[in-house]
Amino acid sequence: MKIAFVISSLSNGGAEKVISLLANYFVQGNEVSLILLCKKEIVYNIDNNINLVELDSCKNSVNIIDGIKNNIHRYKKLKNKIIEIKPDIIISFLTQTNILSILVANSLNIPIISSEHSIYNAEKNKKWKLLRKYLYKKSNYVVTLTLADLKHYNFLQHVTNISNPLLLNHKNNNLIKDRENIVLVVGRLHKVKQFDILINVFSQINTNYKLVILGEGSEKNNLEKIIKEKNLEKRVFLQGQVENVNDYYQKSKIFVLSSKYEAFSNVLLEAMGNGCACISFDCPYGPNEIITNKKDGILVKNQDQDELKRAIESLIKDESYQQKLSTNAIESSKRFDYKNIMHKWEKLIDKLIMQN
């Protein structure tokens, strides 16, 4: 079978990571092409047997007319490449790429699966929202990350939910007592992650634990300012982007997700798979589909800072509770195992190919 995956780029991001995993999985026994609309740094490993295509068709638009011209240009380049490849099926990721890919697939009568990796209400551009509402009906299947987000697509007949996969290349046997007194946070330093709120909450807790934040982003200067103003230089550490994230998961006792919203939260799933005792705001949309409250993690009432403080304090004071959550998290995260999720994609693709 010939499969063409389409995405804007393979720079850092959840969708980019998942599509690289899918391409690497399906290249075993299939002819796989991975088409990138933009020419950017590729940060994920791609199997040498994959036909990697960079269209270099992304330009900044200065106005609406320019934007329309650029999208027509992208459409033509993508269509020409699809005609050349002649795939049996197209699988595209992310809203704007999905819309272009649907137009191409429909014009060539090729079945297409469109995968969403942002929450439905995150799209603010009225033009793209209108196009999504109309053109997603032309996709053979739309895939969402969460059941909560799936409900927003009730205007579609063919829509399903497939979560992100958890890929662990190791077995985690680190007992909580053998780990360091670290409260770990992983993510872009962006306002939506609310690390400023977390730092403020942590500053109110009397503990010898360290708060370690991994990631880069636009909020870095602001967070550094808050840390300095609160004299937290010896308690809160911005480590930047690191290559050995798993090492941090495995040596940390507690993990906290303080986001305003999440499309799914790969980092929460990774932390659980690595045996961290996890705490998360019960924000839309992913955490309550990953955590079973007080069994394999703690769900805090959304945006309740006092409750978040109490949850962190309760874990710091009770190592046996940490161990319980850690053990259960490792077990419950197995339902998101890489192979289980890949099998769901296989079933969907096979179903679509049989229908066509």
Protein backbone atom coordinates (compact mmCIF):
# COMPACT_ATOMS: atom_id res chain seq x y z
CA MET A 1 0.00 0.00 0.00
CA LYS A 2 1.15 3.54 -0.79
CA ILE A 3 0.60 6.02 2.04
CA ALA A 4 1.28 9.77 1.85
CA PHE A 5 1.55 11.62 5.18
CA VAL A 6 1.25 15.42 4.97
CA ILE A 7 2.18 18.04 7.59
CA SER A 8 3.63 21.55 7.56
CA SER A 9 6.98 20.59 9.10
CA LEU A 10 8.81 18.27 11.50
CA SER A 11 9.90 20.96 13.95
CA ASN A 12 9.12 20.54 17.68
CA GLY A 13 5.52 19.65 18.42
CA GLY A 14 3.13 16.89 19.43
CA ALA A 15 1.59 16.46 15.98
CA GLU A 16 5.03 16.41 14.38
CA LYS A 17 6.21 13.73 16.78
CA VAL A 18 3.16 11.53 16.20
CA ILE A 19 3.26 11.73 12.41
CA SER A 20 6.95 10.76 12.46
CA LEU A 21 6.10 7.74 14.63
CA LEU A 22 3.28 6.77 12.27
CA ALA A 23 5.46 7.09 9.18
CA ASN A 24 8.25 5.05 10.79
CA TYR A 25 5.74 2.35 11.79
CA PHE A 26 3.91 2.05 8.46
CA VAL A 27 7.07 2.03 6.33
CA GLN A 28 7.46 -1.57 7.45
CA GLY A 29 5.68 -3.35 4.59
CA ASN A 30 4.31 -0.26 2.85
CA GLU A 31 5.55 2.47 0.52
CA VAL A 32 5.49 5.62 2.63
CA SER A 33 5.99 9.25 1.64
CA LEU A 34 6.20 12.06 4.19
CA ILE A 35 5.42 15.44 2.62
CA LEU A 36 6.42 18.63 4.44
CA LEU A 37 4.87 21.87 3.17
CA CYS A 38 7.55 24.03 4.79
CA LYS A 39 11.32 23.81 4.85
CA LYS A 40 12.29 23.93 8.53
CA GLU A 41 14.64 22.11 10.87
CA ILE A 42 13.70 18.43 11.19
CA VAL A 43 14.00 17.37 14.84
CA TYR A 44 12.56 13.84 14.64
CA ASN A 45 14.28 10.72 13.33
CA ILE A 46 12.85 9.43 10.06
CA ASP A 47 13.42 5.93 8.66
CA ASN A 48 15.73 5.97 5.63
CA ASN A 49 13.15 4.00 3.64
CA ILE A 50 10.64 6.84 3.85
CA ASN A 51 10.36 9.12 0.82
CA LEU A 52 10.85 12.47 2.58
CA VAL A 53 9.65 15.44 0.50
CA GLU A 54 10.12 19.11 1.44
CA LEU A 55 7.94 21.34 -0.77
CA ASP A 56 9.38 24.60 0.62
CA SER A 57 6.03 26.28 -0.11
CA CYS A 58 5.57 28.39 3.03
CA LYS A 59 5.81 32.16 2.81
CA ASN A 60 4.64 34.88 5.18
CA SER A 61 1.49 36.65 3.98
CA VAL A 62 1.30 40.44 4.32
CA ASN A 63 -2.45 40.68 3.58
CA ILE A 64 -5.51 38.60 2.64
CA ILE A 65 -4.77 38.67 -1.10
CA ASP A 66 -1.20 37.60 -0.48
CA GLY A 67 -2.47 34.82 1.81
CA ILE A 68 -4.82 33.50 -0.87
CA LYS A 69 -2.00 33.51 -3.43
CA ASN A 70 0.32 31.65 -1.06
CA ASN A 71 -2.29 29.00 -0.32
CA ILE A 72 -3.00 28.49 -4.03
CA HIS A 73 0.74 28.06 -4.53
CA ARG A 74 0.90 25.48 -1.71
CA TYR A 75 -2.15 23.67 -3.10
CA LYS A 76 -0.61 23.37 -6.56
CA LYS A 77 2.74 22.13 -5.27
CA LEU A 78 1.07 19.58 -3.02
CA LYS A 79 -1.26 18.38 -5.78
CA ASN A 80 1.61 17.94 -8.25
CA LYS A 81 3.55 15.91 -5.69
CA ILE A 82 0.52 13.72 -4.89
CA ILE A 83 -0.03 13.10 -8.62
CA GLU A 84 3.62 12.03 -8.86
CA ILE A 85 3.47 9.73 -5.83
CA LYS A 86 0.02 8.22 -6.59
CA PRO A 87 -0.80 7.15 -3.03
CA ASP A 88 -3.65 4.83 -2.07
CA ILE A 89 -4.45 7.05 0.90
CA ILE A 90 -3.48 10.47 2.29
CA ILE A 91 -3.14 11.13 6.04
CA SER A 92 -2.75 14.80 6.98
CA PHE A 93 -2.18 16.58 10.31
CA LEU A 94 -3.24 20.02 11.62
CA THR A 95 -6.14 22.23 10.50
CA GLN A 96 -4.70 24.33 7.68
CA THR A 97 -2.72 21.43 6.21
CA ASN A 98 -5.83 19.24 6.51
CA ILE A 99 -7.90 21.72 4.51
CA LEU A 100 -5.36 21.92 1.67
CA SER A 101 -4.94 18.14 1.68
CA ILE A 102 -8.71 17.54 1.55
CA LEU A 103 -8.97 19.79 -1.51
CA VAL A 104 -6.15 17.89 -3.21
CA ALA A 105 -7.50 14.45 -2.24
CA ASN A 106 -11.02 15.27 -3.45
CA SER A 107 -9.75 16.61 -6.77
CA LEU A 108 -7.84 13.34 -7.36
CA ASN A 109 -10.45 11.00 -5.83
CA ILE A 110 -8.01 9.70 -3.18
CA PRO A 111 -9.32 8.73 0.31
CA ILE A 112 -8.05 10.94 3.12
CA ILE A 113 -7.85 10.89 6.92
CA SER A 114 -7.55 14.30 8.60
CA SER A 115 -6.00 14.35 12.09
CA GLU A 116 -6.66 17.22 14.50
CA HIS A 117 -4.09 18.01 17.19
CA SER A 118 -5.49 21.25 18.56
CA ILE A 119 -8.68 21.66 20.56
CA TYR A 120 -11.65 22.70 18.42
CA ASN A 121 -12.05 26.15 19.96
CA ALA A 122 -8.35 26.99 19.66
CA GLU A 123 -8.82 28.06 16.02
CA LYS A 124 -9.64 31.79 16.19
CA ASN A 125 -9.36 32.68 12.49
CA LYS A 126 -12.94 32.94 11.15
CA LYS A 127 -11.85 32.05 7.62
CA TRP A 128 -10.19 28.79 8.63
CA LYS A 129 -13.06 27.95 11.02
CA LEU A 130 -15.56 28.31 8.18
CA LEU A 131 -13.41 26.25 5.80
CA ARG A 132 -13.00 23.56 8.47
CA LYS A 133 -16.75 23.41 9.08
CA TYR A 134 -17.43 22.85 5.38
CA LEU A 135 -14.43 20.93 4.09
CA TYR A 136 -14.05 18.47 6.97
CA LYS A 137 -17.31 16.95 5.65
CA LYS A 138 -15.32 16.11 2.51
CA SER A 139 -12.74 14.10 4.47
CA ASN A 140 -13.30 10.35 4.64
CA TYR A 141 -12.43 10.40 8.34
CA VAL A 142 -11.48 13.00 10.93
CA VAL A 143 -9.43 11.88 13.96
CA THR A 144 -9.42 13.79 17.26
CA LEU A 145 -7.09 13.32 20.23
CA THR A 146 -9.73 13.26 22.98
CA LEU A 147 -13.32 12.14 23.43
CA ALA A 148 -14.14 15.61 24.80
CA ASP A 149 -12.96 17.28 21.59
CA LEU A 150 -14.75 14.64 19.50
CA LYS A 151 -18.10 16.06 20.66
CA HIS A 152 -17.40 19.33 18.82
CA TYR A 153 -17.40 17.44 15.52
CA ASN A 154 -21.00 16.20 15.78
CA PHE A 155 -21.64 17.80 12.38
CA LEU A 156 -19.55 14.98 10.83
CA GLN A 157 -20.61 11.42 10.08
CA HIS A 158 -17.13 9.90 10.00
CA VAL A 159 -15.14 11.03 13.02
CA THR A 160 -13.28 8.99 15.62
CA ASN A 161 -10.88 9.36 18.54
CA ILE A 162 -7.30 8.05 18.59
CA SER A 163 -5.07 9.27 21.40
CA ASN A 164 -1.38 10.02 21.11
CA PRO A 165 0.95 7.04 21.60
CA LEU A 166 3.33 6.52 24.50
CA LEU A 167 6.72 5.30 23.30
CA LEU A 168 9.05 4.17 26.07
CA ASN A 169 12.33 2.47 25.14
CA HIS A 170 12.95 1.28 28.67
CA LYS A 171 11.34 -0.35 31.66
CA ASN A 172 10.95 1.93 34.65
CA ASN A 173 11.82 0.28 37.91
CA ASN A 174 12.81 3.40 39.82
CA LEU A 175 11.12 3.35 43.23
CA ILE A 176 10.04 6.74 44.53
CA LYS A 177 12.40 6.45 47.51
CA ASP A 178 15.36 6.19 45.11
CA ARG A 179 14.45 9.39 43.27
CA GLU A 180 15.39 13.01 43.94
CA ASN A 181 13.18 15.57 45.66
CA ILE A 182 12.12 17.18 42.40
CA VAL A 183 8.78 18.57 41.25
CA LEU A 184 9.14 18.39 37.47
CA VAL A 185 7.45 20.50 34.78
CA VAL A 186 7.89 20.04 31.03
CA GLY A 187 6.57 22.28 28.25
CA ARG A 188 6.88 25.42 26.19
CA LEU A 189 7.43 28.54 28.24
CA HIS A 190 4.13 29.99 27.07
CA LYS A 191 1.32 31.79 28.91
CA VAL A 192 -1.11 28.92 28.31
CA LYS A 193 1.14 26.63 30.39
CA GLN A 194 0.75 29.00 33.39
CA PHE A 195 4.19 28.33 34.85
CA ASP A 196 3.98 31.74 36.54
CA ILE A 197 1.00 30.48 38.55
CA LEU A 198 2.83 27.26 39.42
CA ILE A 199 5.94 29.14 40.58
CA ASN A 200 3.74 31.37 42.78
CA VAL A 201 2.02 28.31 44.30
CA PHE A 202 5.35 26.55 44.87
CA SER A 203 6.79 29.65 46.59
CA GLN A 204 4.12 29.22 49.31
CA ILE A 205 5.20 25.66 50.14
CA ASN A 206 7.82 25.11 52.81
CA THR A 207 9.88 22.22 51.41
CA ASN A 208 13.35 21.09 50.41
CA TYR A 209 11.98 19.97 47.02
CA LYS A 210 13.18 21.75 43.88
CA LEU A 211 10.88 22.89 41.08
CA VAL A 212 12.59 22.04 37.76
CA ILE A 213 11.11 23.42 34.53
CA LEU A 214 12.19 22.04 31.13
CA GLY A 215 11.49 24.00 27.97
CA GLU A 216 12.05 27.22 26.04
CA GLY A 217 9.68 29.95 24.97
CA SER A 218 8.47 33.54 25.00
CA GLU A 219 7.75 33.59 28.76
CA LYS A 220 11.34 32.85 29.77
CA ASN A 221 12.27 36.43 30.73
CA ASN A 222 9.04 36.89 32.70
CA LEU A 223 9.56 33.63 34.61
CA GLU A 224 13.18 34.55 35.39
CA LYS A 225 11.92 37.89 36.74
CA ILE A 226 9.35 36.18 39.00
CA ILE A 227 11.97 33.73 40.32
CA LYS A 228 14.29 36.61 41.16
CA GLU A 229 11.57 38.77 42.74
CA LYS A 230 10.52 35.90 45.02
CA ASN A 231 14.14 34.93 45.87
CA LEU A 232 13.62 31.43 44.49
CA GLU A 233 16.95 31.07 42.68
CA LYS A 234 17.90 28.12 44.91
CA ARG A 235 14.50 26.42 44.66
CA VAL A 236 13.22 26.96 41.10
CA PHE A 237 15.31 26.12 38.04
CA LEU A 238 14.68 26.86 34.35
CA GLN A 239 16.75 24.17 32.60
CA GLY A 240 15.83 25.11 29.03
CA GLN A 241 15.43 22.55 26.24
CA VAL A 242 17.14 19.28 27.13
CA GLU A 243 17.79 16.16 25.08
CA ASN A 244 17.56 13.73 27.99
CA VAL A 245 13.98 14.45 29.14
CA ASN A 246 13.49 10.79 30.14
CA ASP A 247 16.38 11.11 32.61
CA TYR A 248 14.48 13.91 34.35
CA TYR A 249 11.21 11.95 34.39
CA GLN A 250 12.98 8.96 35.95
CA LYS A 251 14.76 10.90 38.70
CA SER A 252 11.80 13.13 39.68
CA LYS A 253 9.24 12.16 42.31
CA ILE A 254 6.42 14.52 41.32
CA PHE A 255 5.20 15.95 38.02
CA VAL A 256 2.78 18.89 37.71
CA LEU A 257 0.68 20.08 34.74
CA SER A 258 -0.60 23.63 35.34
CA SER A 259 -1.95 24.42 31.85
CA LYS A 260 -5.01 26.55 31.09
CA TYR A 261 -5.94 23.98 28.45
CA GLU A 262 -4.34 21.06 26.61
CA ALA A 263 -5.18 19.27 23.38
CA PHE A 264 -4.06 16.02 25.02
CA SER A 265 -0.77 16.46 26.95
CA ASN A 266 1.97 14.15 25.82
CA VAL A 267 4.17 15.25 28.73
CA LEU A 268 1.61 14.17 31.32
CA LEU A 269 1.38 10.75 29.68
CA GLU A 270 5.19 10.48 29.46
CA ALA A 271 5.54 11.43 33.13
CA MET A 272 3.04 8.74 34.14
CA GLY A 273 4.72 6.15 31.94
CA ASN A 274 7.99 6.98 33.68
CA GLY A 275 6.46 6.53 37.12
CA CYS A 276 6.15 10.12 38.36
CA ALA A 277 3.41 10.88 40.88
CA CYS A 278 1.37 13.29 38.75
CA ILE A 279 -0.84 16.27 39.55
CA SER A 280 -2.83 18.20 36.94
CA PHE A 281 -5.46 20.89 36.71
CA ASP A 282 -8.64 19.25 35.39
CA CYS A 283 -8.44 21.54 32.38
CA PRO A 284 -9.95 20.98 28.94
CA TYR A 285 -9.35 18.55 27.31
CA GLY A 286 -6.88 15.78 27.98
CA PRO A 287 -5.98 15.28 31.67
CA ASN A 288 -9.20 13.63 32.86
CA GLU A 289 -8.96 11.12 30.01
CA ILE A 290 -5.42 10.21 31.14
CA ILE A 291 -5.68 10.41 34.97
CA THR A 292 -8.13 8.54 37.18
CA ASN A 293 -8.27 10.87 40.16
CA LYS A 294 -6.44 9.67 43.30
CA LYS A 295 -5.73 6.30 41.70
CA ASP A 296 -2.93 6.99 39.21
CA GLY A 297 -2.64 10.75 39.66
CA ILE A 298 -4.39 13.76 41.17
CA LEU A 299 -6.86 15.95 39.29
CA VAL A 300 -7.19 19.41 40.81
CA LYS A 301 -10.30 21.53 40.29
CA ASN A 302 -9.55 23.59 37.21
CA GLN A 303 -7.56 26.75 38.01
CA ASP A 304 -7.97 26.31 41.80
CA GLN A 305 -4.54 27.42 43.04
CA ASP A 306 -5.26 26.67 46.68
CA GLU A 307 -6.25 23.10 45.82
CA LEU A 308 -3.13 22.77 43.66
CA LYS A 309 -0.99 23.87 46.62
CA ARG A 310 -2.69 21.33 48.90
CA ALA A 311 -2.20 18.54 46.34
CA ILE A 312 1.53 19.23 46.00
CA GLU A 313 1.93 19.44 49.79
CA SER A 314 0.03 16.16 50.30
CA LEU A 315 2.42 14.30 47.98
CA ILE A 316 5.54 15.90 49.41
CA LYS A 317 4.49 14.82 52.92
CA ASP A 318 3.44 11.27 51.99
CA GLU A 319 5.98 9.15 50.12
CA SER A 320 3.76 6.06 50.30
CA TYR A 321 1.03 8.02 48.44
CA GLN A 322 3.65 9.01 45.85
CA GLN A 323 4.58 5.35 45.40
CA LYS A 324 0.94 4.28 45.03
CA LEU A 325 0.31 6.85 42.29
CA SER A 326 3.64 6.00 40.63
CA THR A 327 2.94 2.26 40.48
CA ASN A 328 -0.62 2.73 39.21
CA ALA A 329 0.45 5.37 36.66
CA ILE A 330 2.94 3.01 35.02
CA GLU A 331 0.24 0.34 34.73
CA SER A 332 -2.59 2.60 33.50
CA SER A 333 -0.42 4.34 30.92
CA LYS A 334 -0.01 1.01 29.10
CA ARG A 335 -3.37 1.53 27.41
CA PHE A 336 -1.67 4.31 25.42
CA ASP A 337 1.22 2.05 24.47
CA TYR A 338 2.73 2.77 21.05
CA LYS A 339 1.69 -0.56 19.53
CA ASN A 340 -1.89 -0.31 20.81
CA ILE A 341 -2.30 3.12 19.23
CA MET A 342 -0.64 2.04 15.96
CA HIS A 343 -3.09 -0.89 15.74
CA LYS A 344 -5.99 1.58 15.98
CA TRP A 345 -4.55 3.51 13.04
CA GLU A 346 -4.09 0.25 11.11
CA LYS A 347 -7.74 -0.69 11.62
CA LEU A 348 -8.94 2.74 10.49
CA ILE A 349 -6.75 2.71 7.37
CA ASP A 350 -7.76 -0.85 6.45
CA LYS A 351 -11.44 0.05 6.93
CA LEU A 352 -11.10 3.07 4.64
CA ILE A 353 -9.18 1.20 1.95
CA MET A 354 -11.82 -1.58 1.92
CA GLN A 355 -14.58 1.01 1.55
CA ASN A 356 -12.81 2.49 -1.47
